[in-house]
């Protein structure tokens, strides 16, 4: 049984299936899980700095130094990976990020990863 991972709000001709491998890889790192959980709660694009601050707090390291480390890690590793999987829209020029699929696409995986409010 294949999980339903296409975005039902997209027109049929524009739908793209996200493979289980892409989803497992996307959820293989806790910062990517935090990213998807946070973005699933937001109705529009947010500044990357807001996401980095959220993750620093979730990691119980709310210092400016840790925030900078998280921000760098997101920009150079995790956000490009999630963008390649077409789970997010990441604009490096504007430094904004948003979920590219409806929250219902990632919600079951967030629940499995322990995000109760997914």
Protein backbone atom coordinates (compact mmCIF):
# COMPACT_ATOMS: atom_id res chain seq x y z
CA UNK A 1 0.00 0.00 0.00
CA UNK A 2 1.48 3.31 -1.08
CA UNK A 3 0.91 6.35 1.15
CA UNK A 4 -1.02 9.27 -0.30
CA UNK A 5 1.65 11.91 -0.72
CA UNK A 6 0.47 14.02 -3.60
CA UNK A 7 -1.09 17.39 -2.89
CA UNK A 8 -4.84 17.00 -3.52
CA UNK A 9 -5.22 20.77 -3.94
CA UNK A 10 -3.12 20.80 -7.09
CA UNK A 11 -4.73 20.24 -10.48
CA UNK A 12 -4.43 16.62 -11.63
CA UNK A 13 -1.92 17.43 -14.39
CA UNK A 14 0.38 19.27 -11.94
CA UNK A 15 0.37 16.63 -9.19
CA UNK A 16 3.64 14.95 -8.43
CA UNK A 17 4.00 11.94 -6.20
CA UNK A 18 6.57 12.20 -3.45
CA UNK A 19 8.28 8.85 -3.14
CA UNK A 20 8.55 7.05 0.19
CA UNK A 21 12.35 7.31 -0.11
CA UNK A 22 12.11 11.10 -0.41
CA UNK A 23 9.82 11.25 2.62
CA UNK A 24 11.99 8.96 4.74
CA UNK A 25 15.06 10.99 3.80
CA UNK A 26 13.24 14.24 4.57
CA UNK A 27 12.22 12.94 7.99
CA UNK A 28 15.60 11.36 8.75
CA UNK A 29 16.96 14.47 10.46
CA UNK A 30 15.33 16.10 13.46
CA UNK A 31 15.85 19.64 12.13
CA UNK A 32 13.95 18.75 8.98
CA UNK A 33 11.17 17.32 11.16
CA UNK A 34 11.08 20.55 13.18
CA UNK A 35 11.02 22.53 9.94
CA UNK A 36 8.10 20.64 8.45
CA UNK A 37 6.17 20.69 11.74
CA UNK A 38 6.62 24.46 12.10
CA UNK A 39 5.77 25.22 8.47
CA UNK A 40 2.67 23.01 8.63
CA UNK A 41 1.30 25.49 11.19
CA UNK A 42 1.97 28.59 9.06
CA UNK A 43 -0.45 29.83 6.38
CA UNK A 44 2.20 31.74 4.39
CA UNK A 45 5.93 32.13 3.86
CA UNK A 46 8.00 33.01 6.92
CA UNK A 47 11.52 34.43 7.36
CA UNK A 48 14.20 31.77 7.74
CA UNK A 49 15.32 33.56 10.92
CA UNK A 50 11.97 32.78 12.56
CA UNK A 51 12.41 29.11 11.72
CA UNK A 52 16.00 29.09 13.06
CA UNK A 53 14.83 30.72 16.30
CA UNK A 54 12.06 28.12 16.69
CA UNK A 55 14.52 25.25 16.16
CA UNK A 56 17.10 26.72 18.56
CA UNK A 57 14.40 26.89 21.23
CA UNK A 58 13.21 23.33 20.47
CA UNK A 59 16.82 22.16 20.86
CA UNK A 60 16.96 23.98 24.22
CA UNK A 61 19.86 26.15 23.04
CA UNK A 62 18.29 29.63 22.80
CA UNK A 63 21.58 31.52 22.46
CA UNK A 64 22.51 33.80 19.58
CA UNK A 65 25.50 31.58 18.76
CA UNK A 66 23.30 28.49 18.48
CA UNK A 67 20.72 30.43 16.44
CA UNK A 68 23.48 31.33 13.96
CA UNK A 69 24.60 27.71 13.75
CA UNK A 70 21.04 26.53 13.12
CA UNK A 71 20.49 29.26 10.51
CA UNK A 72 23.64 28.25 8.63
CA UNK A 73 22.76 24.56 8.80
CA UNK A 74 19.26 25.24 7.49
CA UNK A 75 20.41 27.44 4.62
CA UNK A 76 23.21 25.17 3.45
CA UNK A 77 21.83 21.71 4.14
CA UNK A 78 18.26 21.13 5.24
CA UNK A 79 16.25 23.69 3.29
CA UNK A 80 17.87 22.86 -0.07
CA UNK A 81 17.20 19.17 0.64
CA UNK A 82 13.53 19.78 1.44
CA UNK A 83 13.21 22.05 -1.61
CA UNK A 84 14.66 19.33 -3.84
CA UNK A 85 12.05 16.91 -2.47
CA UNK A 86 9.46 19.57 -3.35
CA UNK A 87 8.11 19.68 0.19
CA UNK A 88 8.93 23.37 0.68
CA UNK A 89 9.37 26.58 -1.30
CA UNK A 90 12.66 28.12 -0.24
CA UNK A 91 13.72 31.52 -1.55
CA UNK A 92 17.38 32.10 -0.70
CA UNK A 93 17.30 35.66 -2.05
CA UNK A 94 14.30 36.71 0.03
CA UNK A 95 15.31 34.35 2.87
CA UNK A 96 11.78 32.98 3.20
CA UNK A 97 10.40 29.46 3.39
CA UNK A 98 6.94 27.90 3.22
CA UNK A 99 5.35 24.50 2.92
CA UNK A 100 4.89 23.49 -0.75
CA UNK A 101 2.25 20.87 -0.01
CA UNK A 102 -0.86 20.96 2.10
CA UNK A 103 -0.23 20.15 5.77
CA UNK A 104 -2.30 16.98 5.39
CA UNK A 105 0.44 15.51 3.17
CA UNK A 106 3.07 15.64 5.92
CA UNK A 107 0.77 15.32 8.97
CA UNK A 108 0.78 11.49 9.19
CA UNK A 109 4.59 11.43 9.07
CA UNK A 110 4.86 14.19 11.66
CA UNK A 111 2.54 12.20 13.93
CA UNK A 112 4.73 9.12 13.50
CA UNK A 113 7.76 11.26 14.37
CA UNK A 114 6.09 12.34 17.62
CA UNK A 115 4.63 15.72 16.75
CA UNK A 116 1.29 15.45 18.53
CA UNK A 117 -0.09 18.73 17.17
CA UNK A 118 0.56 17.76 13.52
